[in-house]
Structures are given as structure tokens and as C-alpha cells.
PDB file of N, CA and C in Angstrom:
ATOM      1  N   MET A   1     -16.853  33.846  10.795  1.00  0.00           N
ATOM      2  CA  MET A   1     -18.138  34.477  10.579  1.00  0.00           C
ATOM      3  C   MET A   1     -19.081  33.457   9.960  1.00  0.00           C
ATOM      4  N   MET A   2     -19.983  32.952  10.747  1.00  0.00           N
ATOM      5  CA  MET A   2     -20.891  31.912  10.295  1.00  0.00           C
ATOM      6  C   MET A   2     -21.857  32.408   9.221  1.00  0.00           C
ATOM      7  N   GLN A   3     -22.260  33.691   9.285  1.00  0.00           N
ATOM      8  CA  GLN A   3     -23.193  34.217   8.286  1.00  0.00           C
ATOM      9  C   GLN A   3     -22.619  34.118   6.881  1.00  0.00           C
ATOM     10  N   GLY A   4     -21.319  34.358   6.738  1.00  0.00           N
ATOM     11  CA  GLY A   4     -20.687  34.279   5.420  1.00  0.00           C
ATOM     12  C   GLY A   4     -20.732  32.872   4.857  1.00  0.00           C
ATOM     13  N   PHE A   5     -20.468  31.902   5.699  1.00  0.00           N
ATOM     14  CA  PHE A   5     -20.524  30.507   5.275  1.00  0.00           C
ATOM     15  C   PHE A   5     -21.945  30.116   4.892  1.00  0.00           C
ATOM     16  N   CYS A   6     -22.910  30.477   5.736  1.00  0.00           N
ATOM     17  CA  CYS A   6     -24.310  30.152   5.467  1.00  0.00           C
ATOM     18  C   CYS A   6     -24.817  30.867   4.207  1.00  0.00           C
ATOM     19  N   LEU A   7     -24.344  32.080   3.974  1.00  0.00           N
ATOM     20  CA  LEU A   7     -24.726  32.803   2.756  1.00  0.00           C
ATOM     21  C   LEU A   7     -24.243  32.052   1.520  1.00  0.00           C
ATOM     22  N   GLY A   8     -23.030  31.520   1.585  1.00  0.00           N
ATOM     23  CA  GLY A   8     -22.515  30.725   0.469  1.00  0.00           C
ATOM     24  C   GLY A   8     -23.381  29.507   0.199  1.00  0.00           C
ATOM     25  N   LEU A   9     -23.834  28.850   1.257  1.00  0.00           N
ATOM     26  CA  LEU A   9     -24.734  27.702   1.091  1.00  0.00           C
ATOM     27  C   LEU A   9     -26.052  28.121   0.467  1.00  0.00           C
ATOM     28  N   ALA A  10     -26.599  29.251   0.917  1.00  0.00           N
ATOM     29  CA  ALA A  10     -27.874  29.736   0.375  1.00  0.00           C
ATOM     30  C   ALA A  10     -27.744  30.085  -1.103  1.00  0.00           C
ATOM     31  N   VAL A  11     -26.644  30.721  -1.478  1.00  0.00           N
ATOM     32  CA  VAL A  11     -26.430  31.072  -2.888  1.00  0.00           C
ATOM     33  C   VAL A  11     -26.293  29.805  -3.733  1.00  0.00           C
ATOM     34  N   GLY A  12     -25.629  28.797  -3.196  1.00  0.00           N
ATOM     35  CA  GLY A  12     -25.540  27.518  -3.904  1.00  0.00           C
ATOM     36  C   GLY A  12     -26.913  26.906  -4.119  1.00  0.00           C
ATOM     37  N   ALA A  13     -27.778  26.982  -3.106  1.00  0.00           N
ATOM     38  CA  ALA A  13     -29.137  26.455  -3.228  1.00  0.00           C
ATOM     39  C   ALA A  13     -29.944  27.254  -4.251  1.00  0.00           C
ATOM     40  N   ILE A  14     -29.714  28.565  -4.314  1.00  0.00           N
ATOM     41  CA  ILE A  14     -30.381  29.398  -5.326  1.00  0.00           C
ATOM     42  C   ILE A  14     -29.963  28.944  -6.721  1.00  0.00           C
ATOM     43  N   CYS A  15     -28.669  28.771  -6.917  1.00  0.00           N
ATOM     44  CA  CYS A  15     -28.160  28.328  -8.225  1.00  0.00           C
ATOM     45  C   CYS A  15     -28.757  26.980  -8.613  1.00  0.00           C
ATOM     46  N   ASN A  16     -28.858  26.077  -7.673  1.00  0.00           N
ATOM     47  CA  ASN A  16     -29.412  24.758  -7.950  1.00  0.00           C
ATOM     48  C   ASN A  16     -30.880  24.853  -8.351  1.00  0.00           C
ATOM     49  N   SER A  17     -31.661  25.666  -7.639  1.00  0.00           N
ATOM     50  CA  SER A  17     -33.068  25.839  -7.978  1.00  0.00           C
ATOM     51  C   SER A  17     -33.245  26.483  -9.346  1.00  0.00           C
ATOM     52  N   VAL A  18     -32.435  27.495  -9.636  1.00  0.00           N
ATOM     53  CA  VAL A  18     -32.517  28.166 -10.938  1.00  0.00           C
ATOM     54  C   VAL A  18     -32.174  27.187 -12.057  1.00  0.00           C
ATOM     55  N   LYS A  19     -31.152  26.375 -11.851  1.00  0.00           N
ATOM     56  CA  LYS A  19     -30.775  25.359 -12.845  1.00  0.00           C
ATOM     57  C   LYS A  19     -31.955  24.437 -13.132  1.00  0.00           C
ATOM     58  N   LYS A  20     -32.627  23.993 -12.078  1.00  0.00           N
ATOM     59  CA  LYS A  20     -33.751  23.081 -12.240  1.00  0.00           C
ATOM     60  C   LYS A  20     -34.947  23.762 -12.890  1.00  0.00           C
ATOM     61  N   LEU A  21     -35.196  25.024 -12.553  1.00  0.00           N
ATOM     62  CA  LEU A  21     -36.279  25.770 -13.194  1.00  0.00           C
ATOM     63  C   LEU A  21     -36.012  25.953 -14.688  1.00  0.00           C
ATOM     64  N   GLU A  22     -34.777  26.287 -15.032  1.00  0.00           N
ATOM     65  CA  GLU A  22     -34.408  26.460 -16.447  1.00  0.00           C
ATOM     66  C   GLU A  22     -34.504  25.133 -17.193  1.00  0.00           C
ATOM     67  N   ARG A  23     -34.095  24.063 -16.547  1.00  0.00           N
ATOM     68  CA  ARG A  23     -34.178  22.734 -17.143  1.00  0.00           C
ATOM     69  C   ARG A  23     -35.632  22.416 -17.500  1.00  0.00           C
ATOM     70  N   ALA A  24     -36.548  22.690 -16.583  1.00  0.00           N
ATOM     71  CA  ALA A  24     -37.968  22.430 -16.823  1.00  0.00           C
ATOM     72  C   ALA A  24     -38.501  23.321 -17.941  1.00  0.00           C
ATOM     73  N   LYS A  25     -38.081  24.588 -17.941  1.00  0.00           N
ATOM     74  CA  LYS A  25     -38.539  25.534 -18.963  1.00  0.00           C
ATOM     75  C   LYS A  25     -38.108  25.094 -20.359  1.00  0.00           C
ATOM     76  N   LEU A  26     -36.926  24.502 -20.452  1.00  0.00           N
ATOM     77  CA  LEU A  26     -36.393  24.053 -21.742  1.00  0.00           C
ATOM     78  C   LEU A  26     -36.836  22.638 -22.099  1.00  0.00           C
ATOM     79  N   GLY A  27     -37.581  22.000 -21.203  1.00  0.00           N
ATOM     80  CA  GLY A  27     -38.062  20.649 -21.473  1.00  0.00           C
ATOM     81  C   GLY A  27     -36.972  19.597 -21.399  1.00  0.00           C
ATOM     82  N   MET A  28     -35.949  19.856 -20.628  1.00  0.00           N
ATOM     83  CA  MET A  28     -34.840  18.917 -20.517  1.00  0.00           C
ATOM     84  C   MET A  28     -35.138  17.854 -19.465  1.00  0.00           C
ATOM     85  N   VAL A  29     -34.511  16.711 -19.624  1.00  0.00           N
ATOM     86  CA  VAL A  29     -34.653  15.606 -18.677  1.00  0.00           C
ATOM     87  C   VAL A  29     -33.901  15.933 -17.399  1.00  0.00           C
ATOM     88  N   GLY A  30     -34.450  15.515 -16.291  1.00  0.00           N
ATOM     89  CA  GLY A  30     -33.786  15.712 -15.004  1.00  0.00           C
ATOM     90  C   GLY A  30     -34.750  16.255 -13.980  1.00  0.00           C
ATOM     91  N   SER A  31     -34.263  16.391 -12.763  1.00  0.00           N
ATOM     92  CA  SER A  31     -35.126  16.890 -11.698  1.00  0.00           C
ATOM     93  C   SER A  31     -35.482  18.350 -11.953  1.00  0.00           C
ATOM     94  N   THR A  32     -36.640  18.735 -11.464  1.00  0.00           N
ATOM     95  CA  THR A  32     -37.111  20.101 -11.651  1.00  0.00           C
ATOM     96  C   THR A  32     -37.343  20.754 -10.302  1.00  0.00           C
ATOM     97  N   SER A  33     -37.687  22.016 -10.331  1.00  0.00           N
ATOM     98  CA  SER A  33     -37.913  22.798  -9.131  1.00  0.00           C
ATOM     99  C   SER A  33     -39.100  23.706  -9.386  1.00  0.00           C
ATOM    100  N   SER A  34     -39.652  24.258  -8.330  1.00  0.00           N
ATOM    101  CA  SER A  34     -40.754  25.211  -8.472  1.00  0.00           C
ATOM    102  C   SER A  34     -40.288  26.587  -7.994  1.00  0.00           C
ATOM    103  N   VAL A  35     -41.074  27.589  -8.326  1.00  0.00           N
ATOM    104  CA  VAL A  35     -40.769  28.937  -7.854  1.00  0.00           C
ATOM    105  C   VAL A  35     -40.822  28.969  -6.321  1.00  0.00           C
ATOM    106  N   ASP A  36     -41.727  28.196  -5.744  1.00  0.00           N
ATOM    107  CA  ASP A  36     -41.782  28.115  -4.272  1.00  0.00           C
ATOM    108  C   ASP A  36     -40.492  27.541  -3.705  1.00  0.00           C
ATOM    109  N   ASP A  37     -39.905  26.557  -4.417  1.00  0.00           N
ATOM    110  CA  ASP A  37     -38.627  25.989  -3.979  1.00  0.00           C
ATOM    111  C   ASP A  37     -37.520  27.038  -4.038  1.00  0.00           C
ATOM    112  N   LEU A  38     -37.583  27.917  -5.007  1.00  0.00           N
ATOM    113  CA  LEU A  38     -36.587  28.981  -5.143  1.00  0.00           C
ATOM    114  C   LEU A  38     -36.750  30.041  -4.053  1.00  0.00           C
ATOM    115  N   ALA A  39     -37.982  30.267  -3.622  1.00  0.00           N
ATOM    116  CA  ALA A  39     -38.256  31.325  -2.644  1.00  0.00           C
ATOM    117  C   ALA A  39     -37.524  31.095  -1.317  1.00  0.00           C
ATOM    118  N   VAL A  40     -37.383  29.851  -0.911  1.00  0.00           N
ATOM    119  CA  VAL A  40     -36.769  29.559   0.392  1.00  0.00           C
ATOM    120  C   VAL A  40     -35.299  29.997   0.442  1.00  0.00           C
ATOM    121  N   PRO A  41     -34.442  29.545  -0.495  1.00  0.00           N
ATOM    122  CA  PRO A  41     -33.056  30.010  -0.410  1.00  0.00           C
ATOM    123  C   PRO A  41     -32.903  31.503  -0.716  1.00  0.00           C
ATOM    124  N   LEU A  42     -33.809  32.075  -1.532  1.00  0.00           N
ATOM    125  CA  LEU A  42     -33.756  33.526  -1.753  1.00  0.00           C
ATOM    126  C   LEU A  42     -34.027  34.267  -0.449  1.00  0.00           C
ATOM    127  N   ARG A  43     -35.041  33.815   0.267  1.00  0.00           N
ATOM    128  CA  ARG A  43     -35.361  34.424   1.564  1.00  0.00           C
ATOM    129  C   ARG A  43     -34.182  34.293   2.520  1.00  0.00           C
ATOM    130  N   ASN A  44     -33.596  33.106   2.571  1.00  0.00           N
ATOM    131  CA  ASN A  44     -32.460  32.881   3.466  1.00  0.00           C
ATOM    132  C   ASN A  44     -31.282  33.774   3.114  1.00  0.00           C
ATOM    133  N   ALA A  45     -31.000  33.905   1.818  1.00  0.00           N
ATOM    134  CA  ALA A  45     -29.874  34.739   1.385  1.00  0.00           C
ATOM    135  C   ALA A  45     -30.099  36.206   1.738  1.00  0.00           C
ATOM    136  N   MET A  46     -31.328  36.684   1.537  1.00  0.00           N
ATOM    137  CA  MET A  46     -31.627  38.081   1.874  1.00  0.00           C
ATOM    138  C   MET A  46     -31.445  38.325   3.377  1.00  0.00           C
ATOM    139  N   PHE A  47     -31.941  37.396   4.182  1.00  0.00           N
ATOM    140  CA  PHE A  47     -31.815  37.512   5.630  1.00  0.00           C
ATOM    141  C   PHE A  47     -30.343  37.499   6.047  1.00  0.00           C
ATOM    142  N   LEU A  48     -29.577  36.578   5.464  1.00  0.00           N
ATOM    143  CA  LEU A  48     -28.162  36.474   5.816  1.00  0.00           C
ATOM    144  C   LEU A  48     -27.370  37.692   5.356  1.00  0.00           C
ATOM    145  N   CYS A  49     -27.721  38.245   4.194  1.00  0.00           N
ATOM    146  CA  CYS A  49     -27.069  39.487   3.739  1.00  0.00           C
ATOM    147  C   CYS A  49     -27.316  40.617   4.734  1.00  0.00           C
ATOM    148  N   ALA A  50     -28.543  40.720   5.204  1.00  0.00           N
ATOM    149  CA  ALA A  50     -28.876  41.762   6.176  1.00  0.00           C
ATOM    150  C   ALA A  50     -28.115  41.547   7.481  1.00  0.00           C
ATOM    151  N   GLN A  51     -28.027  40.301   7.937  1.00  0.00           N
ATOM    152  CA  GLN A  51     -27.270  40.008   9.157  1.00  0.00           C
ATOM    153  C   GLN A  51     -25.792  40.335   8.991  1.00  0.00           C
ATOM    154  N   LEU A  52     -25.235  39.942   7.854  1.00  0.00           N
ATOM    155  CA  LEU A  52     -23.823  40.176   7.589  1.00  0.00           C
ATOM    156  C   LEU A  52     -23.525  41.671   7.524  1.00  0.00           C
ATOM    157  N   ALA A  53     -24.373  42.407   6.819  1.00  0.00           N
ATOM    158  CA  ALA A  53     -24.199  43.856   6.730  1.00  0.00           C
ATOM    159  C   ALA A  53     -24.265  44.486   8.117  1.00  0.00           C
ATOM    160  N   ASP A  54     -25.231  44.068   8.893  1.00  0.00           N
ATOM    161  CA  ASP A  54     -25.387  44.613  10.238  1.00  0.00           C
ATOM    162  C   ASP A  54     -24.171  44.322  11.111  1.00  0.00           C
ATOM    163  N   SER A  55     -23.634  43.111  10.987  1.00  0.00           N
ATOM    164  CA  SER A  55     -22.488  42.751  11.828  1.00  0.00           C
ATOM    165  C   SER A  55     -21.236  43.565  11.493  1.00  0.00           C
ATOM    166  N   PHE A  56     -21.156  44.094  10.270  1.00  0.00           N
ATOM    167  CA  PHE A  56     -20.015  44.922   9.876  1.00  0.00           C
ATOM    168  C   PHE A  56     -20.360  46.408   9.820  1.00  0.00           C
ATOM    169  N   GLY A  57     -21.583  46.754  10.201  1.00  0.00           N
ATOM    170  CA  GLY A  57     -21.980  48.164  10.220  1.00  0.00           C
ATOM    171  C   GLY A  57     -22.262  48.750   8.855  1.00  0.00           C
ATOM    172  N   VAL A  58     -22.632  47.928   7.899  1.00  0.00           N
ATOM    173  CA  VAL A  58     -22.955  48.410   6.555  1.00  0.00           C
ATOM    174  C   VAL A  58     -24.432  48.782   6.500  1.00  0.00           C
ATOM    175  N   ASP A  59     -24.732  49.995   6.052  1.00  0.00           N
ATOM    176  CA  ASP A  59     -26.113  50.430   5.849  1.00  0.00           C
ATOM    177  C   ASP A  59     -26.521  50.003   4.442  1.00  0.00           C
ATOM    178  N   LEU A  60     -27.314  48.941   4.352  1.00  0.00           N
ATOM    179  CA  LEU A  60     -27.692  48.411   3.035  1.00  0.00           C
ATOM    180  C   LEU A  60     -28.491  49.404   2.206  1.00  0.00           C
ATOM    181  N   ASN A  61     -29.355  50.194   2.847  1.00  0.00           N
ATOM    182  CA  ASN A  61     -30.110  51.198   2.096  1.00  0.00           C
ATOM    183  C   ASN A  61     -29.165  52.162   1.378  1.00  0.00           C
ATOM    184  N   LYS A  62     -28.172  52.641   2.098  1.00  0.00           N
ATOM    185  CA  LYS A  62     -27.203  53.573   1.507  1.00  0.00           C
ATOM    186  C   LYS A  62     -26.340  52.877   0.452  1.00  0.00           C
ATOM    187  N   ALA A  63     -25.918  51.653   0.742  1.00  0.00           N
ATOM    188  CA  ALA A  63     -25.049  50.923  -0.185  1.00  0.00           C
ATOM    189  C   ALA A  63     -25.760  50.620  -1.505  1.00  0.00           C
ATOM    190  N   ILE A  64     -27.013  50.212  -1.429  1.00  0.00           N
ATOM    191  CA  ILE A  64     -27.778  49.898  -2.648  1.00  0.00           C
ATOM    192  C   ILE A  64     -28.029  51.164  -3.451  1.00  0.00           C
ATOM    193  N   ALA A  65     -28.426  52.240  -2.771  1.00  0.00           N
ATOM    194  CA  ALA A  65     -28.659  53.505  -3.469  1.00  0.00           C
ATOM    195  C   ALA A  65     -27.376  54.015  -4.120  1.00  0.00           C
ATOM    196  N   ALA A  66     -26.247  53.906  -3.419  1.00  0.00           N
ATOM    197  CA  ALA A  66     -24.968  54.366  -3.968  1.00  0.00           C
ATOM    198  C   ALA A  66     -24.588  53.582  -5.219  1.00  0.00           C
ATOM    199  N   LYS A  67     -24.783  52.268  -5.206  1.00  0.00           N
ATOM    200  CA  LYS A  67     -24.464  51.436  -6.372  1.00  0.00           C
ATOM    201  C   LYS A  67     -25.374  51.796  -7.540  1.00  0.00           C
ATOM    202  N   PHE A  68     -26.668  51.928  -7.285  1.00  0.00           N
ATOM    203  CA  PHE A  68     -27.623  52.291  -8.318  1.00  0.00           C
ATOM    204  C   PHE A  68     -27.249  53.642  -8.939  1.00  0.00           C
ATOM    205  N   ASN A  69     -26.965  54.625  -8.080  1.00  0.00           N
ATOM    206  CA  ASN A  69     -26.650  55.968  -8.556  1.00  0.00           C
ATOM    207  C   ASN A  69     -25.333  56.005  -9.323  1.00  0.00           C
ATOM    208  N   LYS A  70     -24.353  55.227  -8.891  1.00  0.00           N
ATOM    209  CA  LYS A  70     -23.070  55.159  -9.601  1.00  0.00           C
ATOM    210  C   LYS A  70     -23.278  54.619 -11.014  1.00  0.00           C
ATOM    211  N   THR A  71     -24.101  53.586 -11.143  1.00  0.00           N
ATOM    212  CA  THR A  71     -24.393  53.014 -12.459  1.00  0.00           C
ATOM    213  C   THR A  71     -25.157  54.019 -13.325  1.00  0.00           C
ATOM    214  N   SER A  72     -26.117  54.724 -12.731  1.00  0.00           N
ATOM    215  CA  SER A  72     -26.861  55.748 -13.476  1.00  0.00           C
ATOM    216  C   SER A  72     -25.925  56.829 -13.998  1.00  0.00           C
ATOM    217  N   MET A  73     -25.020  57.287 -13.132  1.00  0.00           N
ATOM    218  CA  MET A  73     -24.060  58.334 -13.548  1.00  0.00           C
ATOM    219  C   MET A  73     -23.165  57.827 -14.665  1.00  0.00           C
ATOM    220  N   ALA A  74     -22.651  56.610 -14.528  1.00  0.00           N
ATOM    221  CA  ALA A  74     -21.730  56.049 -15.518  1.00  0.00           C
ATOM    222  C   ALA A  74     -22.391  55.874 -16.875  1.00  0.00           C
ATOM    223  N   ASN A  75     -23.708  55.695 -16.883  1.00  0.00           N
ATOM    224  CA  ASN A  75     -24.423  55.467 -18.136  1.00  0.00           C
ATOM    225  C   ASN A  75     -25.229  56.672 -18.603  1.00  0.00           C
ATOM    226  N   GLY A  76     -25.015  57.810 -17.964  1.00  0.00           N
ATOM    227  CA  GLY A  76     -25.679  59.039 -18.373  1.00  0.00           C
ATOM    228  C   GLY A  76     -27.187  59.024 -18.163  1.00  0.00           C
ATOM    229  N   LEU A  77     -27.643  58.273 -17.187  1.00  0.00           N
ATOM    230  CA  LEU A  77     -29.072  58.193 -16.912  1.00  0.00           C
ATOM    231  C   LEU A  77     -29.479  59.273 -15.920  1.00  0.00           C
ATOM    232  N   THR A  78     -30.756  59.575 -15.887  1.00  0.00           N
ATOM    233  CA  THR A  78     -31.240  60.634 -14.993  1.00  0.00           C
ATOM    234  C   THR A  78     -32.084  60.089 -13.843  1.00  0.00           C
ATOM    235  N   ILE A  79     -32.093  58.789 -13.666  1.00  0.00           N
ATOM    236  CA  ILE A  79     -32.854  58.181 -12.578  1.00  0.00           C
ATOM    237  C   ILE A  79     -31.900  57.851 -11.436  1.00  0.00           C
ATOM    238  N   PHE A  80     -32.219  58.357 -10.253  1.00  0.00           N
ATOM    239  CA  PHE A  80     -31.380  58.151  -9.080  1.00  0.00           C
ATOM    240  C   PHE A  80     -32.241  57.735  -7.894  1.00  0.00           C
ATOM    241  N   MET A  81     -31.619  57.068  -6.942  1.00  0.00           N
ATOM    242  CA  MET A  81     -32.309  56.626  -5.735  1.00  0.00           C
ATOM    243  C   MET A  81     -31.845  57.449  -4.546  1.00  0.00           C
ATOM    244  N   GLU A  82     -32.772  57.725  -3.665  1.00  0.00           N
ATOM    245  CA  GLU A  82     -32.418  58.268  -2.355  1.00  0.00           C
ATOM    246  C   GLU A  82     -32.599  57.127  -1.386  1.00  0.00           C
ATOM    247  N   HIS A  83     -31.698  56.977  -0.443  1.00  0.00           N
ATOM    248  CA  HIS A  83     -31.860  55.892   0.525  1.00  0.00           C
ATOM    249  C   HIS A  83     -32.949  56.277   1.508  1.00  0.00           C
ATOM    250  N   CYS A  84     -33.647  55.275   1.987  1.00  0.00           N
ATOM    251  CA  CYS A  84     -34.674  55.525   2.999  1.00  0.00           C
ATOM    252  C   CYS A  84     -34.176  55.007   4.344  1.00  0.00           C
ATOM    253  N   ASP A  85     -34.603  55.625   5.382  1.00  0.00           N
ATOM    254  CA  ASP A  85     -34.165  55.238   6.719  1.00  0.00           C
ATOM    255  C   ASP A  85     -35.187  54.343   7.413  1.00  0.00           C
ATOM    256  N   GLY A  86     -36.084  53.745   6.635  1.00  0.00           N
ATOM    257  CA  GLY A  86     -37.126  52.915   7.245  1.00  0.00           C
ATOM    258  C   GLY A  86     -36.833  51.519   7.035  1.00  0.00           C
TER     259      GLY A  86
END
């Protein structure tokens, strides 16, 4: 499954950009990154997640709502999500 491999690469690029952004924020020596640099691997990861979910028949809207609602229930919260079909 090529999407899984590519997703791993995208997540690695996200981690690298975040490291560089934090380095700049703390005034540390070394290469830095911009928020625009972070946007590219974030976009790629989101796209690859959607492709991967689709290839296995996972409805991301339902999965995200279910996770959110499970956490709300576990913590006694009253905010819940309904999945949208759009």
C-alpha cells in the first residue's frame, strides 16, 4: 500500500517542520521553517489519510465523530458531534 508509506514520509516532514518552527520560536541556533513550509506536508498528510481511508472503506466523517463522542462520554462532557455526509 503506497499511501501508507507516503503518509509516513509526510508525517516525518511535518515533524521536521514543527521542530524547526519551535527552534525559531525559542531562539535556538539551526535551520528554521515557516508556517507555509508546514502547510505542504500537512496538506499531503490529510490527502493521503483520505485516500487510505477510502481504499479500506473507512468513513472518516463517522470515524472522527465516533472518536470525539467517545472522548466526550469518557470525560462526562455534553458536547457531541454528528457526522455529516457532505
